[in-house]
C-alpha cells in the first residue's frame, strides 16, 4: 500500500494518501479531483542509489563506477 504525497491544484493544500490500485485521490480540504503528485522525499532518505541520467562518464555519489548497478 503505497503512500503518495499530493498538492491540490485548486486550493494548494498538501496532503498524503494511501492509494489502492487505480483509486483516484481527492483533496481532503476542498474535494477537488486530480491533485498533482509530488516527488516524495522518502525514497531519497532510505539510501537508495539511482542510475544517473547524465550519460557516459558520470558516476553516482556512492562510488567512482560509471555504472550504478555495481554499487552495493
C-alpha atoms as a PDB file:
ATOM      1  CA  UNK A   1       0.000   0.000   0.000  1.00  0.00           C
ATOM      2  CA  UNK A   2       1.970   2.995  -1.226  1.00  0.00           C
ATOM      3  CA  UNK A   3       1.583   6.390   0.375  1.00  0.00           C
ATOM      4  CA  UNK A   4       1.742   9.267  -2.086  1.00  0.00           C
ATOM      5  CA  UNK A   5       2.194  12.996  -1.496  1.00  0.00           C
ATOM      6  CA  UNK A   6      -0.035  15.419  -3.408  1.00  0.00           C
ATOM      7  CA  UNK A   7      -0.697  19.133  -3.820  1.00  0.00           C
ATOM      8  CA  UNK A   8      -4.207  20.226  -4.741  1.00  0.00           C
ATOM      9  CA  UNK A   9      -4.271  22.252  -7.964  1.00  0.00           C
ATOM     10  CA  UNK A  10      -7.403  24.084  -6.807  1.00  0.00           C
ATOM     11  CA  UNK A  11      -6.678  25.134  -3.194  1.00  0.00           C
ATOM     12  CA  UNK A  12      -2.931  24.432  -2.806  1.00  0.00           C
ATOM     13  CA  UNK A  13      -3.409  22.030   0.117  1.00  0.00           C
ATOM     14  CA  UNK A  14      -0.603  19.480   0.556  1.00  0.00           C
ATOM     15  CA  UNK A  15      -1.545  16.004   1.776  1.00  0.00           C
ATOM     16  CA  UNK A  16      -0.559  12.339   1.854  1.00  0.00           C
ATOM     17  CA  UNK A  17      -2.878   9.482   0.976  1.00  0.00           C
ATOM     18  CA  UNK A  18      -2.683   5.692   0.718  1.00  0.00           C
ATOM     19  CA  UNK A  19      -3.605   4.682  -2.823  1.00  0.00           C
ATOM     20  CA  UNK A  20      -5.182   1.310  -3.524  1.00  0.00           C
ATOM     21  CA  UNK A  21      -4.887   0.042  -7.106  1.00  0.00           C
ATOM     22  CA  UNK A  22      -6.390   2.501  -9.577  1.00  0.00           C
ATOM     23  CA  UNK A  23      -8.010   4.731  -6.939  1.00  0.00           C
ATOM     24  CA  UNK A  24      -8.075   8.433  -7.796  1.00  0.00           C
ATOM     25  CA  UNK A  25      -7.375  10.640  -4.761  1.00  0.00           C
ATOM     26  CA  UNK A  26      -9.394  13.730  -3.877  1.00  0.00           C
ATOM     27  CA  UNK A  27      -8.204  16.727  -1.905  1.00  0.00           C
ATOM     28  CA  UNK A  28      -9.330  16.303   1.725  1.00  0.00           C
ATOM     29  CA  UNK A  29      -9.621  20.095   2.134  1.00  0.00           C
ATOM     30  CA  UNK A  30     -11.808  21.007  -0.854  1.00  0.00           C
ATOM     31  CA  UNK A  31     -12.712  17.692  -2.524  1.00  0.00           C
ATOM     32  CA  UNK A  32     -11.141  18.578  -5.877  1.00  0.00           C
ATOM     33  CA  UNK A  33     -10.154  15.731  -8.206  1.00  0.00           C
ATOM     34  CA  UNK A  34      -6.792  15.176  -9.891  1.00  0.00           C
ATOM     35  CA  UNK A  35      -4.281  16.639  -7.422  1.00  0.00           C
ATOM     36  CA  UNK A  36      -0.651  16.922  -8.540  1.00  0.00           C
ATOM     37  CA  UNK A  37       1.544  14.025  -7.344  1.00  0.00           C
ATOM     38  CA  UNK A  38       4.698  15.330  -5.647  1.00  0.00           C
ATOM     39  CA  UNK A  39       8.164  13.822  -5.607  1.00  0.00           C
ATOM     40  CA  UNK A  40       8.385  12.085  -2.261  1.00  0.00           C
ATOM     41  CA  UNK A  41      11.481  12.618  -0.147  1.00  0.00           C
ATOM     42  CA  UNK A  42      11.083   9.112   1.317  1.00  0.00           C
ATOM     43  CA  UNK A  43      12.947   7.367  -1.496  1.00  0.00           C
ATOM     44  CA  UNK A  44      15.872   9.725  -1.106  1.00  0.00           C
ATOM     45  CA  UNK A  45      16.147   9.302   2.651  1.00  0.00           C
ATOM     46  CA  UNK A  46      16.357   5.495   2.619  1.00  0.00           C
ATOM     47  CA  UNK A  47      19.784   5.239   0.987  1.00  0.00           C
ATOM     48  CA  UNK A  48      18.656   4.075  -2.452  1.00  0.00           C
ATOM     49  CA  UNK A  49      21.087   4.767  -5.268  1.00  0.00           C
ATOM     50  CA  UNK A  50      19.642   5.887  -8.581  1.00  0.00           C
ATOM     51  CA  UNK A  51      21.158   5.426 -12.013  1.00  0.00           C
ATOM     52  CA  UNK A  52      22.445   8.704 -13.387  1.00  0.00           C
ATOM     53  CA  UNK A  53      20.750  10.040 -16.497  1.00  0.00           C
ATOM     54  CA  UNK A  54      23.786  12.148 -17.337  1.00  0.00           C
ATOM     55  CA  UNK A  55      25.194   9.752 -19.937  1.00  0.00           C
ATOM     56  CA  UNK A  56      28.681   8.280 -20.128  1.00  0.00           C
ATOM     57  CA  UNK A  57      31.446   9.318 -17.793  1.00  0.00           C
ATOM     58  CA  UNK A  58      29.143  10.175 -14.919  1.00  0.00           C
ATOM     59  CA  UNK A  59      29.158   8.280 -11.663  1.00  0.00           C
ATOM     60  CA  UNK A  60      26.855   8.013  -8.730  1.00  0.00           C
ATOM     61  CA  UNK A  61      27.687   9.614  -5.405  1.00  0.00           C
ATOM     62  CA  UNK A  62      28.262   6.217  -3.735  1.00  0.00           C
ATOM     63  CA  UNK A  63      31.388   5.216  -5.713  1.00  0.00           C
ATOM     64  CA  UNK A  64      33.521   6.090  -8.701  1.00  0.00           C
ATOM     65  CA  UNK A  65      31.967   3.494 -11.023  1.00  0.00           C
ATOM     66  CA  UNK A  66      30.172   4.834 -14.110  1.00  0.00           C
ATOM     67  CA  UNK A  67      27.614   2.015 -13.635  1.00  0.00           C
ATOM     68  CA  UNK A  68      25.487   2.431 -10.500  1.00  0.00           C
ATOM     69  CA  UNK A  69      24.327  -1.173 -10.705  1.00  0.00           C
ATOM     70  CA  UNK A  70      27.776  -2.126  -9.379  1.00  0.00           C
ATOM     71  CA  UNK A  71      27.148  -0.236  -6.117  1.00  0.00           C
ATOM     72  CA  UNK A  72      26.021  -2.259  -3.181  1.00  0.00           C
END
